[in-house]
Amino acid sequence: YVFYAAWLSEKNMPRQRESMMAKL
């Protein structure tokens, strides 16, 4: 899930919820 959130960030896609989920 961390790699998924990183992938979203690299693609400059919405990732606020995913980054919170990854960290949590």
PDBML (XML) file of the C-alpha atoms, coordinates in Angstrom:
<?xml version="1.0" encoding="UTF-8" ?>
<PDBx:datablock datablockName="MODEL"
   xmlns:PDBx="http://pdbml.pdb.org/schema/pdbx-v50.xsd"
   xmlns:xsi="http://www.w3.org/2001/XMLSchema-instance"
   xsi:schemaLocation="http://pdbml.pdb.org/schema/pdbx-v50.xsd pdbx-v50.xsd">
   <PDBx:atom_siteCategory>
      <PDBx:atom_site id="1">
         <PDBx:B_iso_or_equiv>0.00</PDBx:B_iso_or_equiv>
         <PDBx:Cartn_x>0.000</PDBx:Cartn_x>
         <PDBx:Cartn_y>0.000</PDBx:Cartn_y>
         <PDBx:Cartn_z>0.000</PDBx:Cartn_z>
         <PDBx:auth_asym_id>A</PDBx:auth_asym_id>
         <PDBx:auth_atom_id>CA</PDBx:auth_atom_id>
         <PDBx:auth_comp_id>TYR</PDBx:auth_comp_id>
         <PDBx:auth_seq_id>1</PDBx:auth_seq_id>
         <PDBx:group_PDB>ATOM</PDBx:group_PDB>
         <PDBx:label_alt_id xsi:nil="true" />
         <PDBx:label_asym_id>A</PDBx:label_asym_id>
         <PDBx:label_atom_id>CA</PDBx:label_atom_id>
         <PDBx:label_comp_id>TYR</PDBx:label_comp_id>
         <PDBx:label_entity_id>1</PDBx:label_entity_id>
         <PDBx:label_seq_id>1</PDBx:label_seq_id>
         <PDBx:occupancy>1.00</PDBx:occupancy>
         <PDBx:pdbx_PDB_model_num>1</PDBx:pdbx_PDB_model_num>
         <PDBx:type_symbol>C</PDBx:type_symbol>
      </PDBx:atom_site>
      <PDBx:atom_site id="2">
         <PDBx:B_iso_or_equiv>0.00</PDBx:B_iso_or_equiv>
         <PDBx:Cartn_x>2.929</PDBx:Cartn_x>
         <PDBx:Cartn_y>2.337</PDBx:Cartn_y>
         <PDBx:Cartn_z>0.598</PDBx:Cartn_z>
         <PDBx:auth_asym_id>A</PDBx:auth_asym_id>
         <PDBx:auth_atom_id>CA</PDBx:auth_atom_id>
         <PDBx:auth_comp_id>VAL</PDBx:auth_comp_id>
         <PDBx:auth_seq_id>2</PDBx:auth_seq_id>
         <PDBx:group_PDB>ATOM</PDBx:group_PDB>
         <PDBx:label_alt_id xsi:nil="true" />
         <PDBx:label_asym_id>A</PDBx:label_asym_id>
         <PDBx:label_atom_id>CA</PDBx:label_atom_id>
         <PDBx:label_comp_id>VAL</PDBx:label_comp_id>
         <PDBx:label_entity_id>1</PDBx:label_entity_id>
         <PDBx:label_seq_id>2</PDBx:label_seq_id>
         <PDBx:occupancy>1.00</PDBx:occupancy>
         <PDBx:pdbx_PDB_model_num>1</PDBx:pdbx_PDB_model_num>
         <PDBx:type_symbol>C</PDBx:type_symbol>
      </PDBx:atom_site>
      <PDBx:atom_site id="3">
         <PDBx:B_iso_or_equiv>0.00</PDBx:B_iso_or_equiv>
         <PDBx:Cartn_x>4.172</PDBx:Cartn_x>
         <PDBx:Cartn_y>1.621</PDBx:Cartn_y>
         <PDBx:Cartn_z>-2.936</PDBx:Cartn_z>
         <PDBx:auth_asym_id>A</PDBx:auth_asym_id>
         <PDBx:auth_atom_id>CA</PDBx:auth_atom_id>
         <PDBx:auth_comp_id>PHE</PDBx:auth_comp_id>
         <PDBx:auth_seq_id>3</PDBx:auth_seq_id>
         <PDBx:group_PDB>ATOM</PDBx:group_PDB>
         <PDBx:label_alt_id xsi:nil="true" />
         <PDBx:label_asym_id>A</PDBx:label_asym_id>
         <PDBx:label_atom_id>CA</PDBx:label_atom_id>
         <PDBx:label_comp_id>PHE</PDBx:label_comp_id>
         <PDBx:label_entity_id>1</PDBx:label_entity_id>
         <PDBx:label_seq_id>3</PDBx:label_seq_id>
         <PDBx:occupancy>1.00</PDBx:occupancy>
         <PDBx:pdbx_PDB_model_num>1</PDBx:pdbx_PDB_model_num>
         <PDBx:type_symbol>C</PDBx:type_symbol>
      </PDBx:atom_site>
      <PDBx:atom_site id="4">
         <PDBx:B_iso_or_equiv>0.00</PDBx:B_iso_or_equiv>
         <PDBx:Cartn_x>0.646</PDBx:Cartn_x>
         <PDBx:Cartn_y>2.249</PDBx:Cartn_y>
         <PDBx:Cartn_z>-4.232</PDBx:Cartn_z>
         <PDBx:auth_asym_id>A</PDBx:auth_asym_id>
         <PDBx:auth_atom_id>CA</PDBx:auth_atom_id>
         <PDBx:auth_comp_id>TYR</PDBx:auth_comp_id>
         <PDBx:auth_seq_id>4</PDBx:auth_seq_id>
         <PDBx:group_PDB>ATOM</PDBx:group_PDB>
         <PDBx:label_alt_id xsi:nil="true" />
         <PDBx:label_asym_id>A</PDBx:label_asym_id>
         <PDBx:label_atom_id>CA</PDBx:label_atom_id>
         <PDBx:label_comp_id>TYR</PDBx:label_comp_id>
         <PDBx:label_entity_id>1</PDBx:label_entity_id>
         <PDBx:label_seq_id>4</PDBx:label_seq_id>
         <PDBx:occupancy>1.00</PDBx:occupancy>
         <PDBx:pdbx_PDB_model_num>1</PDBx:pdbx_PDB_model_num>
         <PDBx:type_symbol>C</PDBx:type_symbol>
      </PDBx:atom_site>
      <PDBx:atom_site id="5">
         <PDBx:B_iso_or_equiv>0.00</PDBx:B_iso_or_equiv>
         <PDBx:Cartn_x>0.522</PDBx:Cartn_x>
         <PDBx:Cartn_y>5.655</PDBx:Cartn_y>
         <PDBx:Cartn_z>-2.511</PDBx:Cartn_z>
         <PDBx:auth_asym_id>A</PDBx:auth_asym_id>
         <PDBx:auth_atom_id>CA</PDBx:auth_atom_id>
         <PDBx:auth_comp_id>ALA</PDBx:auth_comp_id>
         <PDBx:auth_seq_id>5</PDBx:auth_seq_id>
         <PDBx:group_PDB>ATOM</PDBx:group_PDB>
         <PDBx:label_alt_id xsi:nil="true" />
         <PDBx:label_asym_id>A</PDBx:label_asym_id>
         <PDBx:label_atom_id>CA</PDBx:label_atom_id>
         <PDBx:label_comp_id>ALA</PDBx:label_comp_id>
         <PDBx:label_entity_id>1</PDBx:label_entity_id>
         <PDBx:label_seq_id>5</PDBx:label_seq_id>
         <PDBx:occupancy>1.00</PDBx:occupancy>
         <PDBx:pdbx_PDB_model_num>1</PDBx:pdbx_PDB_model_num>
         <PDBx:type_symbol>C</PDBx:type_symbol>
      </PDBx:atom_site>
      <PDBx:atom_site id="6">
         <PDBx:B_iso_or_equiv>0.00</PDBx:B_iso_or_equiv>
         <PDBx:Cartn_x>3.996</PDBx:Cartn_x>
         <PDBx:Cartn_y>6.424</PDBx:Cartn_y>
         <PDBx:Cartn_z>-3.880</PDBx:Cartn_z>
         <PDBx:auth_asym_id>A</PDBx:auth_asym_id>
         <PDBx:auth_atom_id>CA</PDBx:auth_atom_id>
         <PDBx:auth_comp_id>ALA</PDBx:auth_comp_id>
         <PDBx:auth_seq_id>6</PDBx:auth_seq_id>
         <PDBx:group_PDB>ATOM</PDBx:group_PDB>
         <PDBx:label_alt_id xsi:nil="true" />
         <PDBx:label_asym_id>A</PDBx:label_asym_id>
         <PDBx:label_atom_id>CA</PDBx:label_atom_id>
         <PDBx:label_comp_id>ALA</PDBx:label_comp_id>
         <PDBx:label_entity_id>1</PDBx:label_entity_id>
         <PDBx:label_seq_id>6</PDBx:label_seq_id>
         <PDBx:occupancy>1.00</PDBx:occupancy>
         <PDBx:pdbx_PDB_model_num>1</PDBx:pdbx_PDB_model_num>
         <PDBx:type_symbol>C</PDBx:type_symbol>
      </PDBx:atom_site>
      <PDBx:atom_site id="7">
         <PDBx:B_iso_or_equiv>0.00</PDBx:B_iso_or_equiv>
         <PDBx:Cartn_x>2.854</PDBx:Cartn_x>
         <PDBx:Cartn_y>5.458</PDBx:Cartn_y>
         <PDBx:Cartn_z>-7.388</PDBx:Cartn_z>
         <PDBx:auth_asym_id>A</PDBx:auth_asym_id>
         <PDBx:auth_atom_id>CA</PDBx:auth_atom_id>
         <PDBx:auth_comp_id>TRP</PDBx:auth_comp_id>
         <PDBx:auth_seq_id>7</PDBx:auth_seq_id>
         <PDBx:group_PDB>ATOM</PDBx:group_PDB>
         <PDBx:label_alt_id xsi:nil="true" />
         <PDBx:label_asym_id>A</PDBx:label_asym_id>
         <PDBx:label_atom_id>CA</PDBx:label_atom_id>
         <PDBx:label_comp_id>TRP</PDBx:label_comp_id>
         <PDBx:label_entity_id>1</PDBx:label_entity_id>
         <PDBx:label_seq_id>7</PDBx:label_seq_id>
         <PDBx:occupancy>1.00</PDBx:occupancy>
         <PDBx:pdbx_PDB_model_num>1</PDBx:pdbx_PDB_model_num>
         <PDBx:type_symbol>C</PDBx:type_symbol>
      </PDBx:atom_site>
      <PDBx:atom_site id="8">
         <PDBx:B_iso_or_equiv>0.00</PDBx:B_iso_or_equiv>
         <PDBx:Cartn_x>-0.106</PDBx:Cartn_x>
         <PDBx:Cartn_y>7.833</PDBx:Cartn_y>
         <PDBx:Cartn_z>-7.120</PDBx:Cartn_z>
         <PDBx:auth_asym_id>A</PDBx:auth_asym_id>
         <PDBx:auth_atom_id>CA</PDBx:auth_atom_id>
         <PDBx:auth_comp_id>LEU</PDBx:auth_comp_id>
         <PDBx:auth_seq_id>8</PDBx:auth_seq_id>
         <PDBx:group_PDB>ATOM</PDBx:group_PDB>
         <PDBx:label_alt_id xsi:nil="true" />
         <PDBx:label_asym_id>A</PDBx:label_asym_id>
         <PDBx:label_atom_id>CA</PDBx:label_atom_id>
         <PDBx:label_comp_id>LEU</PDBx:label_comp_id>
         <PDBx:label_entity_id>1</PDBx:label_entity_id>
         <PDBx:label_seq_id>8</PDBx:label_seq_id>
         <PDBx:occupancy>1.00</PDBx:occupancy>
         <PDBx:pdbx_PDB_model_num>1</PDBx:pdbx_PDB_model_num>
         <PDBx:type_symbol>C</PDBx:type_symbol>
      </PDBx:atom_site>
      <PDBx:atom_site id="9">
         <PDBx:B_iso_or_equiv>0.00</PDBx:B_iso_or_equiv>
         <PDBx:Cartn_x>2.233</PDBx:Cartn_x>
         <PDBx:Cartn_y>10.596</PDBx:Cartn_y>
         <PDBx:Cartn_z>-6.014</PDBx:Cartn_z>
         <PDBx:auth_asym_id>A</PDBx:auth_asym_id>
         <PDBx:auth_atom_id>CA</PDBx:auth_atom_id>
         <PDBx:auth_comp_id>SER</PDBx:auth_comp_id>
         <PDBx:auth_seq_id>9</PDBx:auth_seq_id>
         <PDBx:group_PDB>ATOM</PDBx:group_PDB>
         <PDBx:label_alt_id xsi:nil="true" />
         <PDBx:label_asym_id>A</PDBx:label_asym_id>
         <PDBx:label_atom_id>CA</PDBx:label_atom_id>
         <PDBx:label_comp_id>SER</PDBx:label_comp_id>
         <PDBx:label_entity_id>1</PDBx:label_entity_id>
         <PDBx:label_seq_id>9</PDBx:label_seq_id>
         <PDBx:occupancy>1.00</PDBx:occupancy>
         <PDBx:pdbx_PDB_model_num>1</PDBx:pdbx_PDB_model_num>
         <PDBx:type_symbol>C</PDBx:type_symbol>
      </PDBx:atom_site>
      <PDBx:atom_site id="10">
         <PDBx:B_iso_or_equiv>0.00</PDBx:B_iso_or_equiv>
         <PDBx:Cartn_x>4.601</PDBx:Cartn_x>
         <PDBx:Cartn_y>9.978</PDBx:Cartn_y>
         <PDBx:Cartn_z>-8.914</PDBx:Cartn_z>
         <PDBx:auth_asym_id>A</PDBx:auth_asym_id>
         <PDBx:auth_atom_id>CA</PDBx:auth_atom_id>
         <PDBx:auth_comp_id>GLU</PDBx:auth_comp_id>
         <PDBx:auth_seq_id>10</PDBx:auth_seq_id>
         <PDBx:group_PDB>ATOM</PDBx:group_PDB>
         <PDBx:label_alt_id xsi:nil="true" />
         <PDBx:label_asym_id>A</PDBx:label_asym_id>
         <PDBx:label_atom_id>CA</PDBx:label_atom_id>
         <PDBx:label_comp_id>GLU</PDBx:label_comp_id>
         <PDBx:label_entity_id>1</PDBx:label_entity_id>
         <PDBx:label_seq_id>10</PDBx:label_seq_id>
         <PDBx:occupancy>1.00</PDBx:occupancy>
         <PDBx:pdbx_PDB_model_num>1</PDBx:pdbx_PDB_model_num>
         <PDBx:type_symbol>C</PDBx:type_symbol>
      </PDBx:atom_site>
      <PDBx:atom_site id="11">
         <PDBx:B_iso_or_equiv>0.00</PDBx:B_iso_or_equiv>
         <PDBx:Cartn_x>1.658</PDBx:Cartn_x>
         <PDBx:Cartn_y>10.177</PDBx:Cartn_y>
         <PDBx:Cartn_z>-11.345</PDBx:Cartn_z>
         <PDBx:auth_asym_id>A</PDBx:auth_asym_id>
         <PDBx:auth_atom_id>CA</PDBx:auth_atom_id>
         <PDBx:auth_comp_id>LYS</PDBx:auth_comp_id>
         <PDBx:auth_seq_id>11</PDBx:auth_seq_id>
         <PDBx:group_PDB>ATOM</PDBx:group_PDB>
         <PDBx:label_alt_id xsi:nil="true" />
         <PDBx:label_asym_id>A</PDBx:label_asym_id>
         <PDBx:label_atom_id>CA</PDBx:label_atom_id>
         <PDBx:label_comp_id>LYS</PDBx:label_comp_id>
         <PDBx:label_entity_id>1</PDBx:label_entity_id>
         <PDBx:label_seq_id>11</PDBx:label_seq_id>
         <PDBx:occupancy>1.00</PDBx:occupancy>
         <PDBx:pdbx_PDB_model_num>1</PDBx:pdbx_PDB_model_num>
         <PDBx:type_symbol>C</PDBx:type_symbol>
      </PDBx:atom_site>
      <PDBx:atom_site id="12">
         <PDBx:B_iso_or_equiv>0.00</PDBx:B_iso_or_equiv>
         <PDBx:Cartn_x>0.539</PDBx:Cartn_x>
         <PDBx:Cartn_y>13.411</PDBx:Cartn_y>
         <PDBx:Cartn_z>-9.630</PDBx:Cartn_z>
         <PDBx:auth_asym_id>A</PDBx:auth_asym_id>
         <PDBx:auth_atom_id>CA</PDBx:auth_atom_id>
         <PDBx:auth_comp_id>ASN</PDBx:auth_comp_id>
         <PDBx:auth_seq_id>12</PDBx:auth_seq_id>
         <PDBx:group_PDB>ATOM</PDBx:group_PDB>
         <PDBx:label_alt_id xsi:nil="true" />
         <PDBx:label_asym_id>A</PDBx:label_asym_id>
         <PDBx:label_atom_id>CA</PDBx:label_atom_id>
         <PDBx:label_comp_id>ASN</PDBx:label_comp_id>
         <PDBx:label_entity_id>1</PDBx:label_entity_id>
         <PDBx:label_seq_id>12</PDBx:label_seq_id>
         <PDBx:occupancy>1.00</PDBx:occupancy>
         <PDBx:pdbx_PDB_model_num>1</PDBx:pdbx_PDB_model_num>
         <PDBx:type_symbol>C</PDBx:type_symbol>
      </PDBx:atom_site>
      <PDBx:atom_site id="13">
         <PDBx:B_iso_or_equiv>0.00</PDBx:B_iso_or_equiv>
         <PDBx:Cartn_x>-2.853</PDBx:Cartn_x>
         <PDBx:Cartn_y>11.824</PDBx:Cartn_y>
         <PDBx:Cartn_z>-8.991</PDBx:Cartn_z>
         <PDBx:auth_asym_id>A</PDBx:auth_asym_id>
         <PDBx:auth_atom_id>CA</PDBx:auth_atom_id>
         <PDBx:auth_comp_id>MET</PDBx:auth_comp_id>
         <PDBx:auth_seq_id>13</PDBx:auth_seq_id>
         <PDBx:group_PDB>ATOM</PDBx:group_PDB>
         <PDBx:label_alt_id xsi:nil="true" />
         <PDBx:label_asym_id>A</PDBx:label_asym_id>
         <PDBx:label_atom_id>CA</PDBx:label_atom_id>
         <PDBx:label_comp_id>MET</PDBx:label_comp_id>
         <PDBx:label_entity_id>1</PDBx:label_entity_id>
         <PDBx:label_seq_id>13</PDBx:label_seq_id>
         <PDBx:occupancy>1.00</PDBx:occupancy>
         <PDBx:pdbx_PDB_model_num>1</PDBx:pdbx_PDB_model_num>
         <PDBx:type_symbol>C</PDBx:type_symbol>
      </PDBx:atom_site>
      <PDBx:atom_site id="14">
         <PDBx:B_iso_or_equiv>0.00</PDBx:B_iso_or_equiv>
         <PDBx:Cartn_x>-5.100</PDBx:Cartn_x>
         <PDBx:Cartn_y>12.517</PDBx:Cartn_y>
         <PDBx:Cartn_z>-5.959</PDBx:Cartn_z>
         <PDBx:auth_asym_id>A</PDBx:auth_asym_id>
         <PDBx:auth_atom_id>CA</PDBx:auth_atom_id>
         <PDBx:auth_comp_id>PRO</PDBx:auth_comp_id>
         <PDBx:auth_seq_id>14</PDBx:auth_seq_id>
         <PDBx:group_PDB>ATOM</PDBx:group_PDB>
         <PDBx:label_alt_id xsi:nil="true" />
         <PDBx:label_asym_id>A</PDBx:label_asym_id>
         <PDBx:label_atom_id>CA</PDBx:label_atom_id>
         <PDBx:label_comp_id>PRO</PDBx:label_comp_id>
         <PDBx:label_entity_id>1</PDBx:label_entity_id>
         <PDBx:label_seq_id>14</PDBx:label_seq_id>
         <PDBx:occupancy>1.00</PDBx:occupancy>
         <PDBx:pdbx_PDB_model_num>1</PDBx:pdbx_PDB_model_num>
         <PDBx:type_symbol>C</PDBx:type_symbol>
      </PDBx:atom_site>
      <PDBx:atom_site id="15">
         <PDBx:B_iso_or_equiv>0.00</PDBx:B_iso_or_equiv>
         <PDBx:Cartn_x>-3.474</PDBx:Cartn_x>
         <PDBx:Cartn_y>10.730</PDBx:Cartn_y>
         <PDBx:Cartn_z>-3.040</PDBx:Cartn_z>
         <PDBx:auth_asym_id>A</PDBx:auth_asym_id>
         <PDBx:auth_atom_id>CA</PDBx:auth_atom_id>
         <PDBx:auth_comp_id>ARG</PDBx:auth_comp_id>
         <PDBx:auth_seq_id>15</PDBx:auth_seq_id>
         <PDBx:group_PDB>ATOM</PDBx:group_PDB>
         <PDBx:label_alt_id xsi:nil="true" />
         <PDBx:label_asym_id>A</PDBx:label_asym_id>
         <PDBx:label_atom_id>CA</PDBx:label_atom_id>
         <PDBx:label_comp_id>ARG</PDBx:label_comp_id>
         <PDBx:label_entity_id>1</PDBx:label_entity_id>
         <PDBx:label_seq_id>15</PDBx:label_seq_id>
         <PDBx:occupancy>1.00</PDBx:occupancy>
         <PDBx:pdbx_PDB_model_num>1</PDBx:pdbx_PDB_model_num>
         <PDBx:type_symbol>C</PDBx:type_symbol>
      </PDBx:atom_site>
      <PDBx:atom_site id="16">
         <PDBx:B_iso_or_equiv>0.00</PDBx:B_iso_or_equiv>
         <PDBx:Cartn_x>-4.398</PDBx:Cartn_x>
         <PDBx:Cartn_y>12.552</PDBx:Cartn_y>
         <PDBx:Cartn_z>0.160</PDBx:Cartn_z>
         <PDBx:auth_asym_id>A</PDBx:auth_asym_id>
         <PDBx:auth_atom_id>CA</PDBx:auth_atom_id>
         <PDBx:auth_comp_id>GLN</PDBx:auth_comp_id>
         <PDBx:auth_seq_id>16</PDBx:auth_seq_id>
         <PDBx:group_PDB>ATOM</PDBx:group_PDB>
         <PDBx:label_alt_id xsi:nil="true" />
         <PDBx:label_asym_id>A</PDBx:label_asym_id>
         <PDBx:label_atom_id>CA</PDBx:label_atom_id>
         <PDBx:label_comp_id>GLN</PDBx:label_comp_id>
         <PDBx:label_entity_id>1</PDBx:label_entity_id>
         <PDBx:label_seq_id>16</PDBx:label_seq_id>
         <PDBx:occupancy>1.00</PDBx:occupancy>
         <PDBx:pdbx_PDB_model_num>1</PDBx:pdbx_PDB_model_num>
         <PDBx:type_symbol>C</PDBx:type_symbol>
      </PDBx:atom_site>
      <PDBx:atom_site id="17">
         <PDBx:B_iso_or_equiv>0.00</PDBx:B_iso_or_equiv>
         <PDBx:Cartn_x>-6.677</PDBx:Cartn_x>
         <PDBx:Cartn_y>9.766</PDBx:Cartn_y>
         <PDBx:Cartn_z>1.399</PDBx:Cartn_z>
         <PDBx:auth_asym_id>A</PDBx:auth_asym_id>
         <PDBx:auth_atom_id>CA</PDBx:auth_atom_id>
         <PDBx:auth_comp_id>ARG</PDBx:auth_comp_id>
         <PDBx:auth_seq_id>17</PDBx:auth_seq_id>
         <PDBx:group_PDB>ATOM</PDBx:group_PDB>
         <PDBx:label_alt_id xsi:nil="true" />
         <PDBx:label_asym_id>A</PDBx:label_asym_id>
         <PDBx:label_atom_id>CA</PDBx:label_atom_id>
         <PDBx:label_comp_id>ARG</PDBx:label_comp_id>
         <PDBx:label_entity_id>1</PDBx:label_entity_id>
         <PDBx:label_seq_id>17</PDBx:label_seq_id>
         <PDBx:occupancy>1.00</PDBx:occupancy>
         <PDBx:pdbx_PDB_model_num>1</PDBx:pdbx_PDB_model_num>
         <PDBx:type_symbol>C</PDBx:type_symbol>
      </PDBx:atom_site>
      <PDBx:atom_site id="18">
         <PDBx:B_iso_or_equiv>0.00</PDBx:B_iso_or_equiv>
         <PDBx:Cartn_x>-4.324</PDBx:Cartn_x>
         <PDBx:Cartn_y>7.040</PDBx:Cartn_y>
         <PDBx:Cartn_z>0.199</PDBx:Cartn_z>
         <PDBx:auth_asym_id>A</PDBx:auth_asym_id>
         <PDBx:auth_atom_id>CA</PDBx:auth_atom_id>
         <PDBx:auth_comp_id>GLU</PDBx:auth_comp_id>
         <PDBx:auth_seq_id>18</PDBx:auth_seq_id>
         <PDBx:group_PDB>ATOM</PDBx:group_PDB>
         <PDBx:label_alt_id xsi:nil="true" />
         <PDBx:label_asym_id>A</PDBx:label_asym_id>
         <PDBx:label_atom_id>CA</PDBx:label_atom_id>
         <PDBx:label_comp_id>GLU</PDBx:label_comp_id>
         <PDBx:label_entity_id>1</PDBx:label_entity_id>
         <PDBx:label_seq_id>18</PDBx:label_seq_id>
         <PDBx:occupancy>1.00</PDBx:occupancy>
         <PDBx:pdbx_PDB_model_num>1</PDBx:pdbx_PDB_model_num>
         <PDBx:type_symbol>C</PDBx:type_symbol>
      </PDBx:atom_site>
      <PDBx:atom_site id="19">
         <PDBx:B_iso_or_equiv>0.00</PDBx:B_iso_or_equiv>
         <PDBx:Cartn_x>-1.316</PDBx:Cartn_x>
         <PDBx:Cartn_y>8.633</PDBx:Cartn_y>
         <PDBx:Cartn_z>1.894</PDBx:Cartn_z>
         <PDBx:auth_asym_id>A</PDBx:auth_asym_id>
         <PDBx:auth_atom_id>CA</PDBx:auth_atom_id>
         <PDBx:auth_comp_id>SER</PDBx:auth_comp_id>
         <PDBx:auth_seq_id>19</PDBx:auth_seq_id>
         <PDBx:group_PDB>ATOM</PDBx:group_PDB>
         <PDBx:label_alt_id xsi:nil="true" />
         <PDBx:label_asym_id>A</PDBx:label_asym_id>
         <PDBx:label_atom_id>CA</PDBx:label_atom_id>
         <PDBx:label_comp_id>SER</PDBx:label_comp_id>
         <PDBx:label_entity_id>1</PDBx:label_entity_id>
         <PDBx:label_seq_id>19</PDBx:label_seq_id>
         <PDBx:occupancy>1.00</PDBx:occupancy>
         <PDBx:pdbx_PDB_model_num>1</PDBx:pdbx_PDB_model_num>
         <PDBx:type_symbol>C</PDBx:type_symbol>
      </PDBx:atom_site>
      <PDBx:atom_site id="20">
         <PDBx:B_iso_or_equiv>0.00</PDBx:B_iso_or_equiv>
         <PDBx:Cartn_x>-3.256</PDBx:Cartn_x>
         <PDBx:Cartn_y>8.838</PDBx:Cartn_y>
         <PDBx:Cartn_z>5.161</PDBx:Cartn_z>
         <PDBx:auth_asym_id>A</PDBx:auth_asym_id>
         <PDBx:auth_atom_id>CA</PDBx:auth_atom_id>
         <PDBx:auth_comp_id>MET</PDBx:auth_comp_id>
         <PDBx:auth_seq_id>20</PDBx:auth_seq_id>
         <PDBx:group_PDB>ATOM</PDBx:group_PDB>
         <PDBx:label_alt_id xsi:nil="true" />
         <PDBx:label_asym_id>A</PDBx:label_asym_id>
         <PDBx:label_atom_id>CA</PDBx:label_atom_id>
         <PDBx:label_comp_id>MET</PDBx:label_comp_id>
         <PDBx:label_entity_id>1</PDBx:label_entity_id>
         <PDBx:label_seq_id>20</PDBx:label_seq_id>
         <PDBx:occupancy>1.00</PDBx:occupancy>
         <PDBx:pdbx_PDB_model_num>1</PDBx:pdbx_PDB_model_num>
         <PDBx:type_symbol>C</PDBx:type_symbol>
      </PDBx:atom_site>
      <PDBx:atom_site id="21">
         <PDBx:B_iso_or_equiv>0.00</PDBx:B_iso_or_equiv>
         <PDBx:Cartn_x>-4.291</PDBx:Cartn_x>
         <PDBx:Cartn_y>5.193</PDBx:Cartn_y>
         <PDBx:Cartn_z>4.816</PDBx:Cartn_z>
         <PDBx:auth_asym_id>A</PDBx:auth_asym_id>
         <PDBx:auth_atom_id>CA</PDBx:auth_atom_id>
         <PDBx:auth_comp_id>MET</PDBx:auth_comp_id>
         <PDBx:auth_seq_id>21</PDBx:auth_seq_id>
         <PDBx:group_PDB>ATOM</PDBx:group_PDB>
         <PDBx:label_alt_id xsi:nil="true" />
         <PDBx:label_asym_id>A</PDBx:label_asym_id>
         <PDBx:label_atom_id>CA</PDBx:label_atom_id>
         <PDBx:label_comp_id>MET</PDBx:label_comp_id>
         <PDBx:label_entity_id>1</PDBx:label_entity_id>
         <PDBx:label_seq_id>21</PDBx:label_seq_id>
         <PDBx:occupancy>1.00</PDBx:occupancy>
         <PDBx:pdbx_PDB_model_num>1</PDBx:pdbx_PDB_model_num>
         <PDBx:type_symbol>C</PDBx:type_symbol>
      </PDBx:atom_site>
      <PDBx:atom_site id="22">
         <PDBx:B_iso_or_equiv>0.00</PDBx:B_iso_or_equiv>
         <PDBx:Cartn_x>-0.717</PDBx:Cartn_x>
         <PDBx:Cartn_y>4.138</PDBx:Cartn_y>
         <PDBx:Cartn_z>4.030</PDBx:Cartn_z>
         <PDBx:auth_asym_id>A</PDBx:auth_asym_id>
         <PDBx:auth_atom_id>CA</PDBx:auth_atom_id>
         <PDBx:auth_comp_id>ALA</PDBx:auth_comp_id>
         <PDBx:auth_seq_id>22</PDBx:auth_seq_id>
         <PDBx:group_PDB>ATOM</PDBx:group_PDB>
         <PDBx:label_alt_id xsi:nil="true" />
         <PDBx:label_asym_id>A</PDBx:label_asym_id>
         <PDBx:label_atom_id>CA</PDBx:label_atom_id>
         <PDBx:label_comp_id>ALA</PDBx:label_comp_id>
         <PDBx:label_entity_id>1</PDBx:label_entity_id>
         <PDBx:label_seq_id>22</PDBx:label_seq_id>
         <PDBx:occupancy>1.00</PDBx:occupancy>
         <PDBx:pdbx_PDB_model_num>1</PDBx:pdbx_PDB_model_num>
         <PDBx:type_symbol>C</PDBx:type_symbol>
      </PDBx:atom_site>
      <PDBx:atom_site id="23">
         <PDBx:B_iso_or_equiv>0.00</PDBx:B_iso_or_equiv>
         <PDBx:Cartn_x>0.694</PDBx:Cartn_x>
         <PDBx:Cartn_y>5.965</PDBx:Cartn_y>
         <PDBx:Cartn_z>7.043</PDBx:Cartn_z>
         <PDBx:auth_asym_id>A</PDBx:auth_asym_id>
         <PDBx:auth_atom_id>CA</PDBx:auth_atom_id>
         <PDBx:auth_comp_id>LYS</PDBx:auth_comp_id>
         <PDBx:auth_seq_id>23</PDBx:auth_seq_id>
         <PDBx:group_PDB>ATOM</PDBx:group_PDB>
         <PDBx:label_alt_id xsi:nil="true" />
         <PDBx:label_asym_id>A</PDBx:label_asym_id>
         <PDBx:label_atom_id>CA</PDBx:label_atom_id>
         <PDBx:label_comp_id>LYS</PDBx:label_comp_id>
         <PDBx:label_entity_id>1</PDBx:label_entity_id>
         <PDBx:label_seq_id>23</PDBx:label_seq_id>
         <PDBx:occupancy>1.00</PDBx:occupancy>
         <PDBx:pdbx_PDB_model_num>1</PDBx:pdbx_PDB_model_num>
         <PDBx:type_symbol>C</PDBx:type_symbol>
      </PDBx:atom_site>
      <PDBx:atom_site id="24">
         <PDBx:B_iso_or_equiv>0.00</PDBx:B_iso_or_equiv>
         <PDBx:Cartn_x>-2.076</PDBx:Cartn_x>
         <PDBx:Cartn_y>4.796</PDBx:Cartn_y>
         <PDBx:Cartn_z>9.375</PDBx:Cartn_z>
         <PDBx:auth_asym_id>A</PDBx:auth_asym_id>
         <PDBx:auth_atom_id>CA</PDBx:auth_atom_id>
         <PDBx:auth_comp_id>LEU</PDBx:auth_comp_id>
         <PDBx:auth_seq_id>24</PDBx:auth_seq_id>
         <PDBx:group_PDB>ATOM</PDBx:group_PDB>
         <PDBx:label_alt_id xsi:nil="true" />
         <PDBx:label_asym_id>A</PDBx:label_asym_id>
         <PDBx:label_atom_id>CA</PDBx:label_atom_id>
         <PDBx:label_comp_id>LEU</PDBx:label_comp_id>
         <PDBx:label_entity_id>1</PDBx:label_entity_id>
         <PDBx:label_seq_id>24</PDBx:label_seq_id>
         <PDBx:occupancy>1.00</PDBx:occupancy>
         <PDBx:pdbx_PDB_model_num>1</PDBx:pdbx_PDB_model_num>
         <PDBx:type_symbol>C</PDBx:type_symbol>
      </PDBx:atom_site>
   </PDBx:atom_siteCategory>
</PDBx:datablock>
